[in-house]
Amino acid sequence: MGKPLKVLARHLLYRGKPNLQSLDDPYPTIAKLLRDIDIKHIVDAGASDGRIAKRFGKRFTTAQLHMFEPNPDYAPALAELHAEQPRYHHYPVVLSDTPGEKTFYVTADPGSSSLYQTNDAMKKAYPEQAAHKAQMTVPATTLDQWADDNNIDGVQFIKMDIQGGEADMMRGASRLLDESVVAIYTEVFFQNFYEGGATYSDIDLVLREHGFGLYSLYKPRHDENERVLFADAVFVNPKRLGW
């Protein structure tokens, strides 16, 4: 689709329909950005059942995929994926800024579960998904510590979907961000839906300290007043891409 047609289509599709997804697909964009990079290790934080990891695995066929998911409801699916393809690895821990044990809040929609509790704004916008279901104590580590413990020589690509914990996770990955990470694909909140959780500006500030900048935004979601709530974002390190 040519640029003029894409602009027209986006205008017609978005008008009065604030929750439509972006016309742009981030997956081929990420593959194109990283086509000249030797992708050895991919980290998927908040892997759920592994469906997103599999999408990246199809594009980066020699990479090892490291799936971090503490919710035990997803463990059988991730174990099955590892049995079928050993390059997919499951770690039932959360990635944060400090190691130890942390409280993990489980919501009615498991995809909204987090180290942070949903707040009133989240419960108003998504009452069924955001309802508190249970809480559990889960092990936590930092990405840098995990890499050291597992003799990982470098991570080139990170995907995050951890519901407000993204800035903490990046603070715990400072060495990898400085040494090897090329691109990051993450959900970002523009309105705070979690008590103490990160919004876009928090993530952006942490990543800028390590030479990363926003590449583009995808799949925005809006409320009934057309206020943007959250989206997916791709951040890149321009120097590692040769820009």
C-alpha atoms as a PDB file:
ATOM      1  CA  MET A   1       0.000   0.000   0.000  1.00  0.00           C
ATOM      2  CA  GLY A   2       1.452   3.372  -1.035  1.00  0.00           C
ATOM      3  CA  LYS A   3       1.901   6.091   1.538  1.00  0.00           C
ATOM      4  CA  PRO A   4      -1.025   8.321   0.372  1.00  0.00           C
ATOM      5  CA  LEU A   5      -3.386   5.331   0.382  1.00  0.00           C
ATOM      6  CA  LYS A   6      -2.163   4.218   3.803  1.00  0.00           C
ATOM      7  CA  VAL A   7      -2.754   7.688   5.252  1.00  0.00           C
ATOM      8  CA  LEU A   8      -6.254   7.793   3.755  1.00  0.00           C
ATOM      9  CA  ALA A   9      -7.088   4.287   4.976  1.00  0.00           C
ATOM     10  CA  ARG A  10      -5.839   5.052   8.468  1.00  0.00           C
ATOM     11  CA  HIS A  11      -7.991   8.214   8.573  1.00  0.00           C
ATOM     12  CA  LEU A  12     -11.111   6.376   7.419  1.00  0.00           C
ATOM     13  CA  LEU A  13     -10.608   3.374   9.692  1.00  0.00           C
ATOM     14  CA  TYR A  14      -9.740   5.308  12.844  1.00  0.00           C
ATOM     15  CA  ARG A  15     -12.469   7.943  12.571  1.00  0.00           C
ATOM     16  CA  GLY A  16     -14.985   7.233  15.320  1.00  0.00           C
ATOM     17  CA  LYS A  17     -13.411   3.845  16.064  1.00  0.00           C
ATOM     18  CA  PRO A  18     -10.746   4.524  18.697  1.00  0.00           C
ATOM     19  CA  ASN A  19      -9.821   0.910  19.457  1.00  0.00           C
ATOM     20  CA  LEU A  20      -8.750  -0.245  16.012  1.00  0.00           C
ATOM     21  CA  GLN A  21      -5.215  -1.532  15.722  1.00  0.00           C
ATOM     22  CA  SER A  22      -2.523   0.246  13.755  1.00  0.00           C
ATOM     23  CA  LEU A  23      -2.242  -0.701  10.102  1.00  0.00           C
ATOM     24  CA  ASP A  24       1.471  -1.243  10.672  1.00  0.00           C
ATOM     25  CA  ASP A  25       2.688  -4.691  11.733  1.00  0.00           C
ATOM     26  CA  PRO A  26       5.721  -4.523  14.046  1.00  0.00           C
ATOM     27  CA  TYR A  27       6.960  -8.059  13.366  1.00  0.00           C
ATOM     28  CA  PRO A  28       8.229  -7.654   9.794  1.00  0.00           C
ATOM     29  CA  THR A  29       9.507  -4.205  10.776  1.00  0.00           C
ATOM     30  CA  ILE A  30      11.594  -5.726  13.588  1.00  0.00           C
ATOM     31  CA  ALA A  31      12.879  -8.458  11.280  1.00  0.00           C
ATOM     32  CA  LYS A  32      13.916  -5.818   8.750  1.00  0.00           C
ATOM     33  CA  LEU A  33      15.631  -3.674  11.392  1.00  0.00           C
ATOM     34  CA  LEU A  34      17.633  -6.645  12.651  1.00  0.00           C
ATOM     35  CA  ARG A  35      18.313  -8.374   9.338  1.00  0.00           C
ATOM     36  CA  ASP A  36      22.047  -7.623   9.490  1.00  0.00           C
ATOM     37  CA  ILE A  37      22.440  -8.427  13.197  1.00  0.00           C
ATOM     38  CA  ASP A  38      23.579 -11.825  14.450  1.00  0.00           C
ATOM     39  CA  ILE A  39      20.667 -12.605  16.787  1.00  0.00           C
ATOM     40  CA  LYS A  40      21.918 -15.220  19.238  1.00  0.00           C
ATOM     41  CA  HIS A  41      19.664 -14.616  22.241  1.00  0.00           C
ATOM     42  CA  ILE A  42      16.132 -13.220  22.503  1.00  0.00           C
ATOM     43  CA  VAL A  43      14.510 -12.482  25.877  1.00  0.00           C
ATOM     44  CA  ASP A  44      10.712 -12.615  26.148  1.00  0.00           C
ATOM     45  CA  ALA A  45       9.613 -11.162  29.495  1.00  0.00           C
ATOM     46  CA  GLY A  46       5.961 -11.886  30.182  1.00  0.00           C
ATOM     47  CA  ALA A  47       5.898 -14.779  27.737  1.00  0.00           C
ATOM     48  CA  SER A  48       2.408 -16.066  28.686  1.00  0.00           C
ATOM     49  CA  ASP A  49       1.889 -19.223  26.560  1.00  0.00           C
ATOM     50  CA  GLY A  50       4.824 -18.557  24.244  1.00  0.00           C
ATOM     51  CA  ARG A  51       2.851 -17.422  21.211  1.00  0.00           C
ATOM     52  CA  ILE A  52       4.874 -14.222  20.737  1.00  0.00           C
ATOM     53  CA  ALA A  53       8.167 -16.049  21.285  1.00  0.00           C
ATOM     54  CA  LYS A  54       7.176 -18.416  18.491  1.00  0.00           C
ATOM     55  CA  ARG A  55       6.572 -15.500  16.135  1.00  0.00           C
ATOM     56  CA  PHE A  56      10.079 -14.243  16.741  1.00  0.00           C
ATOM     57  CA  GLY A  57      11.486 -17.754  16.577  1.00  0.00           C
ATOM     58  CA  LYS A  58      10.142 -18.109  13.035  1.00  0.00           C
ATOM     59  CA  ARG A  59      11.934 -14.931  11.999  1.00  0.00           C
ATOM     60  CA  PHE A  60      15.203 -15.600  13.808  1.00  0.00           C
ATOM     61  CA  THR A  61      15.662 -19.288  13.195  1.00  0.00           C
ATOM     62  CA  THR A  62      19.016 -19.791  14.929  1.00  0.00           C
ATOM     63  CA  ALA A  63      18.324 -17.720  18.046  1.00  0.00           C
ATOM     64  CA  GLN A  64      17.866 -19.116  21.543  1.00  0.00           C
ATOM     65  CA  LEU A  65      14.582 -17.843  22.991  1.00  0.00           C
ATOM     66  CA  HIS A  66      14.426 -17.246  26.744  1.00  0.00           C
ATOM     67  CA  MET A  67      10.845 -17.019  28.040  1.00  0.00           C
ATOM     68  CA  PHE A  68      10.289 -15.508  31.484  1.00  0.00           C
ATOM     69  CA  GLU A  69       6.833 -16.271  32.867  1.00  0.00           C
ATOM     70  CA  PRO A  70       6.054 -16.744  36.585  1.00  0.00           C
ATOM     71  CA  ASN A  71       2.353 -17.566  36.216  1.00  0.00           C
ATOM     72  CA  PRO A  72       2.039 -21.351  36.736  1.00  0.00           C
ATOM     73  CA  ASP A  73      -1.059 -21.464  34.529  1.00  0.00           C
ATOM     74  CA  TYR A  74       1.221 -21.029  31.513  1.00  0.00           C
ATOM     75  CA  ALA A  75       3.825 -23.583  32.577  1.00  0.00           C
ATOM     76  CA  PRO A  76       2.357 -26.596  30.694  1.00  0.00           C
ATOM     77  CA  ALA A  77       2.255 -24.744  27.369  1.00  0.00           C
ATOM     78  CA  LEU A  78       5.829 -23.482  27.806  1.00  0.00           C
ATOM     79  CA  ALA A  79       7.068 -26.935  28.830  1.00  0.00           C
ATOM     80  CA  GLU A  80       5.452 -28.420  25.720  1.00  0.00           C
ATOM     81  CA  LEU A  81       7.082 -25.770  23.537  1.00  0.00           C
ATOM     82  CA  HIS A  82      10.499 -26.550  25.024  1.00  0.00           C
ATOM     83  CA  ALA A  83       9.971 -30.283  24.498  1.00  0.00           C
ATOM     84  CA  GLU A  84       9.131 -29.687  20.842  1.00  0.00           C
ATOM     85  CA  GLN A  85      11.906 -27.153  20.259  1.00  0.00           C
ATOM     86  CA  PRO A  86      14.715 -27.144  22.834  1.00  0.00           C
ATOM     87  CA  ARG A  87      15.910 -23.690  21.818  1.00  0.00           C
ATOM     88  CA  TYR A  88      12.861 -22.286  23.659  1.00  0.00           C
ATOM     89  CA  HIS A  89      13.665 -22.038  27.376  1.00  0.00           C
ATOM     90  CA  HIS A  90      11.195 -21.312  30.190  1.00  0.00           C
ATOM     91  CA  TYR A  91      12.182 -19.525  33.415  1.00  0.00           C
ATOM     92  CA  PRO A  92       9.392 -19.327  36.052  1.00  0.00           C
ATOM     93  CA  VAL A  93      10.753 -16.092  37.487  1.00  0.00           C
ATOM     94  CA  VAL A  94      10.137 -12.368  37.047  1.00  0.00           C
ATOM     95  CA  LEU A  95      12.731  -9.914  35.789  1.00  0.00           C
ATOM     96  CA  SER A  96      13.083  -6.764  37.858  1.00  0.00           C
ATOM     97  CA  ASP A  97      15.672  -4.348  39.267  1.00  0.00           C
ATOM     98  CA  THR A  98      16.620  -6.499  42.256  1.00  0.00           C
ATOM     99  CA  PRO A  99      16.824 -10.262  42.871  1.00  0.00           C
ATOM    100  CA  GLY A 100      14.903 -12.013  45.639  1.00  0.00           C
ATOM    101  CA  GLU A 101      11.249 -12.829  46.234  1.00  0.00           C
ATOM    102  CA  LYS A 102       8.411 -10.558  45.163  1.00  0.00           C
ATOM    103  CA  THR A 103       4.629 -10.514  45.385  1.00  0.00           C
ATOM    104  CA  PHE A 104       2.946 -11.252  42.067  1.00  0.00           C
ATOM    105  CA  TYR A 105      -0.667 -10.106  41.688  1.00  0.00           C
ATOM    106  CA  VAL A 106      -2.815 -12.378  39.540  1.00  0.00           C
ATOM    107  CA  THR A 107      -5.810 -10.847  37.774  1.00  0.00           C
ATOM    108  CA  ALA A 108      -8.923 -12.383  36.233  1.00  0.00           C
ATOM    109  CA  ASP A 109      -7.253 -11.971  32.851  1.00  0.00           C
ATOM    110  CA  PRO A 110      -3.850 -13.618  33.375  1.00  0.00           C
ATOM    111  CA  GLY A 111      -2.332 -11.279  30.801  1.00  0.00           C
ATOM    112  CA  SER A 112      -2.922  -8.338  33.149  1.00  0.00           C
ATOM    113  CA  SER A 113      -1.107  -9.943  36.101  1.00  0.00           C
ATOM    114  CA  SER A 114       1.839  -7.978  37.447  1.00  0.00           C
ATOM    115  CA  LEU A 115       4.236  -7.177  40.264  1.00  0.00           C
ATOM    116  CA  TYR A 116       2.051  -4.088  40.634  1.00  0.00           C
ATOM    117  CA  GLN A 117      -1.602  -3.972  41.637  1.00  0.00           C
ATOM    118  CA  THR A 118      -4.147  -2.663  39.161  1.00  0.00           C
ATOM    119  CA  ASN A 119      -5.463   0.775  40.100  1.00  0.00           C
ATOM    120  CA  ASP A 120      -8.886   2.389  39.807  1.00  0.00           C
ATOM    121  CA  ALA A 121      -8.222   3.621  36.267  1.00  0.00           C
ATOM    122  CA  MET A 122      -7.460   0.095  35.071  1.00  0.00           C
ATOM    123  CA  LYS A 123     -10.485  -1.337  36.867  1.00  0.00           C
ATOM    124  CA  LYS A 124     -12.722   1.296  35.301  1.00  0.00           C
ATOM    125  CA  ALA A 125     -11.373   0.781  31.787  1.00  0.00           C
ATOM    126  CA  TYR A 126     -11.209  -3.035  31.959  1.00  0.00           C
ATOM    127  CA  PRO A 127     -13.284  -4.173  34.941  1.00  0.00           C
ATOM    128  CA  GLU A 128     -13.425  -7.860  34.056  1.00  0.00           C
ATOM    129  CA  GLN A 129      -9.772  -8.270  33.129  1.00  0.00           C
ATOM    130  CA  ALA A 130      -8.345  -6.164  35.969  1.00  0.00           C
ATOM    131  CA  ALA A 131     -10.205  -7.791  38.870  1.00  0.00           C
ATOM    132  CA  HIS A 132      -7.879  -9.143  41.554  1.00  0.00           C
ATOM    133  CA  LYS A 133      -7.889 -12.937  41.638  1.00  0.00           C
ATOM    134  CA  ALA A 134      -4.980 -14.007  43.846  1.00  0.00           C
ATOM    135  CA  GLN A 135      -1.444 -13.197  44.801  1.00  0.00           C
ATOM    136  CA  MET A 136       1.647 -15.341  45.167  1.00  0.00           C
ATOM    137  CA  THR A 137       5.288 -15.058  46.048  1.00  0.00           C
ATOM    138  CA  VAL A 138       7.571 -15.561  43.051  1.00  0.00           C
ATOM    139  CA  PRO A 139      11.354 -15.566  42.579  1.00  0.00           C
ATOM    140  CA  ALA A 140      12.853 -12.531  40.884  1.00  0.00           C
ATOM    141  CA  THR A 141      16.190 -11.790  39.284  1.00  0.00           C
ATOM    142  CA  THR A 142      17.763  -9.118  37.138  1.00  0.00           C
ATOM    143  CA  LEU A 143      18.495  -9.671  33.489  1.00  0.00           C
ATOM    144  CA  ASP A 144      22.182  -8.961  34.062  1.00  0.00           C
ATOM    145  CA  GLN A 145      22.347 -11.489  36.892  1.00  0.00           C
ATOM    146  CA  TRP A 146      20.531 -14.112  34.856  1.00  0.00           C
ATOM    147  CA  ALA A 147      22.946 -13.624  31.974  1.00  0.00           C
ATOM    148  CA  ASP A 148      25.911 -14.048  34.330  1.00  0.00           C
ATOM    149  CA  ASP A 149      24.424 -17.132  35.978  1.00  0.00           C
ATOM    150  CA  ASN A 150      23.714 -18.793  32.629  1.00  0.00           C
ATOM    151  CA  ASN A 151      26.892 -17.759  30.790  1.00  0.00           C
ATOM    152  CA  ILE A 152      24.915 -15.739  28.232  1.00  0.00           C
ATOM    153  CA  ASP A 153      27.469 -13.694  26.311  1.00  0.00           C
ATOM    154  CA  GLY A 154      24.951 -11.138  25.042  1.00  0.00           C
ATOM    155  CA  VAL A 155      21.263 -10.526  24.376  1.00  0.00           C
ATOM    156  CA  GLN A 156      20.451  -8.793  21.099  1.00  0.00           C
ATOM    157  CA  PHE A 157      16.671  -8.412  21.298  1.00  0.00           C
ATOM    158  CA  ILE A 158      14.200  -8.014  24.174  1.00  0.00           C
ATOM    159  CA  LYS A 159      10.418  -8.223  24.193  1.00  0.00           C
ATOM    160  CA  MET A 160       8.533  -7.019  27.311  1.00  0.00           C
ATOM    161  CA  ASP A 161       4.873  -7.358  28.274  1.00  0.00           C
ATOM    162  CA  ILE A 162       5.056  -7.146  32.051  1.00  0.00           C
ATOM    163  CA  GLN A 163       2.340  -4.665  32.970  1.00  0.00           C
ATOM    164  CA  GLY A 164       4.167  -1.743  34.536  1.00  0.00           C
ATOM    165  CA  GLY A 165       7.423  -3.495  35.429  1.00  0.00           C
ATOM    166  CA  GLU A 166       9.336  -2.479  32.298  1.00  0.00           C
ATOM    167  CA  ALA A 167      11.425   0.366  33.760  1.00  0.00           C
ATOM    168  CA  ASP A 168      12.460  -1.832  36.707  1.00  0.00           C
ATOM    169  CA  MET A 169      13.481  -4.609  34.357  1.00  0.00           C
ATOM    170  CA  MET A 170      15.580  -2.200  32.277  1.00  0.00           C
ATOM    171  CA  ARG A 171      17.306  -0.894  35.406  1.00  0.00           C
ATOM    172  CA  GLY A 172      18.334  -4.471  36.090  1.00  0.00           C
ATOM    173  CA  ALA A 173      19.720  -4.875  32.570  1.00  0.00           C
ATOM    174  CA  SER A 174      22.128  -1.932  32.416  1.00  0.00           C
ATOM    175  CA  ARG A 175      25.172  -4.015  31.440  1.00  0.00           C
ATOM    176  CA  LEU A 176      23.373  -5.829  28.615  1.00  0.00           C
ATOM    177  CA  LEU A 177      21.866  -2.560  27.387  1.00  0.00           C
ATOM    178  CA  ASP A 178      25.338  -1.027  27.266  1.00  0.00           C
ATOM    179  CA  GLU A 179      27.010  -4.027  25.643  1.00  0.00           C
ATOM    180  CA  SER A 180      24.746  -5.991  23.311  1.00  0.00           C
ATOM    181  CA  VAL A 181      21.028  -5.147  23.079  1.00  0.00           C
ATOM    182  CA  VAL A 182      20.071  -3.698  19.692  1.00  0.00           C
ATOM    183  CA  ALA A 183      16.274  -3.408  19.885  1.00  0.00           C
ATOM    184  CA  ILE A 184      13.420  -3.671  22.387  1.00  0.00           C
ATOM    185  CA  TYR A 185       9.744  -4.359  21.694  1.00  0.00           C
ATOM    186  CA  THR A 186       7.512  -3.466  24.623  1.00  0.00           C
ATOM    187  CA  GLU A 187       4.040  -2.518  25.714  1.00  0.00           C
ATOM    188  CA  VAL A 188       3.932   1.063  27.017  1.00  0.00           C
ATOM    189  CA  PHE A 189       1.245   2.770  29.078  1.00  0.00           C
ATOM    190  CA  PHE A 190       0.435   6.437  28.521  1.00  0.00           C
ATOM    191  CA  GLN A 191      -2.078   6.388  31.371  1.00  0.00           C
ATOM    192  CA  ASN A 192      -1.055   4.710  34.611  1.00  0.00           C
ATOM    193  CA  PHE A 193      -3.049   1.503  35.140  1.00  0.00           C
ATOM    194  CA  TYR A 194      -0.859   0.019  37.902  1.00  0.00           C
ATOM    195  CA  GLU A 195      -0.031   1.400  41.347  1.00  0.00           C
ATOM    196  CA  GLY A 196       3.601   2.460  41.067  1.00  0.00           C
ATOM    197  CA  GLY A 197       3.975   0.932  37.615  1.00  0.00           C
ATOM    198  CA  ALA A 198       5.937   2.499  34.770  1.00  0.00           C
ATOM    199  CA  THR A 199       4.461   4.640  32.032  1.00  0.00           C
ATOM    200  CA  TYR A 200       6.007   5.436  28.659  1.00  0.00           C
ATOM    201  CA  SER A 201       8.038   8.354  30.002  1.00  0.00           C
ATOM    202  CA  ASP A 202       9.640   6.202  32.717  1.00  0.00           C
ATOM    203  CA  ILE A 203      10.739   3.576  30.197  1.00  0.00           C
ATOM    204  CA  ASP A 204      11.963   6.174  27.736  1.00  0.00           C
ATOM    205  CA  LEU A 205      14.109   7.929  30.357  1.00  0.00           C
ATOM    206  CA  VAL A 206      15.803   4.693  31.439  1.00  0.00           C
ATOM    207  CA  LEU A 207      16.514   3.607  27.875  1.00  0.00           C
ATOM    208  CA  ARG A 208      17.841   7.008  26.813  1.00  0.00           C
ATOM    209  CA  GLU A 209      20.508   6.715  29.502  1.00  0.00           C
ATOM    210  CA  HIS A 210      21.812   3.708  27.546  1.00  0.00           C
ATOM    211  CA  GLY A 211      21.684   5.186  24.055  1.00  0.00           C
ATOM    212  CA  PHE A 212      18.231   3.954  22.981  1.00  0.00           C
ATOM    213  CA  GLY A 213      15.483   5.979  21.352  1.00  0.00           C
ATOM    214  CA  LEU A 214      11.948   5.367  20.127  1.00  0.00           C
ATOM    215  CA  TYR A 215      11.677   3.925  16.633  1.00  0.00           C
ATOM    216  CA  SER A 216       7.878   3.760  16.313  1.00  0.00           C
ATOM    217  CA  LEU A 217       4.563   3.009  18.045  1.00  0.00           C
ATOM    218  CA  TYR A 218       2.092   0.261  17.111  1.00  0.00           C
ATOM    219  CA  LYS A 219      -1.418  -0.957  17.985  1.00  0.00           C
ATOM    220  CA  PRO A 220      -2.606   2.030  20.043  1.00  0.00           C
ATOM    221  CA  ARG A 221      -5.679   1.655  22.248  1.00  0.00           C
ATOM    222  CA  HIS A 222      -7.942   4.565  23.125  1.00  0.00           C
ATOM    223  CA  ASP A 223     -10.802   5.208  25.521  1.00  0.00           C
ATOM    224  CA  GLU A 224     -14.250   6.470  24.636  1.00  0.00           C
ATOM    225  CA  ASN A 225     -12.871  10.029  24.558  1.00  0.00           C
ATOM    226  CA  GLU A 226     -10.168   8.992  22.054  1.00  0.00           C
ATOM    227  CA  ARG A 227      -7.457   9.448  24.683  1.00  0.00           C
ATOM    228  CA  VAL A 228      -4.570   7.069  24.039  1.00  0.00           C
ATOM    229  CA  LEU A 229      -4.215   4.501  26.831  1.00  0.00           C
ATOM    230  CA  PHE A 230      -1.420   2.205  25.754  1.00  0.00           C
ATOM    231  CA  ALA A 231       0.426   0.939  22.706  1.00  0.00           C
ATOM    232  CA  ASP A 232       3.352  -1.218  21.656  1.00  0.00           C
ATOM    233  CA  ALA A 233       6.703   0.465  21.050  1.00  0.00           C
ATOM    234  CA  VAL A 234       9.985  -0.404  19.400  1.00  0.00           C
ATOM    235  CA  PHE A 235      13.152   1.182  20.790  1.00  0.00           C
ATOM    236  CA  VAL A 236      16.497   0.849  19.036  1.00  0.00           C
ATOM    237  CA  ASN A 237      20.135   1.648  19.631  1.00  0.00           C
ATOM    238  CA  PRO A 238      21.009   3.601  16.461  1.00  0.00           C
ATOM    239  CA  LYS A 239      24.759   3.096  16.757  1.00  0.00           C
ATOM    240  CA  ARG A 240      24.402  -0.691  16.785  1.00  0.00           C
ATOM    241  CA  LEU A 241      22.292  -0.452  13.648  1.00  0.00           C
ATOM    242  CA  GLY A 242      24.979   1.620  11.954  1.00  0.00           C
ATOM    243  CA  TRP A 243      22.896   4.785  11.825  1.00  0.00           C
END
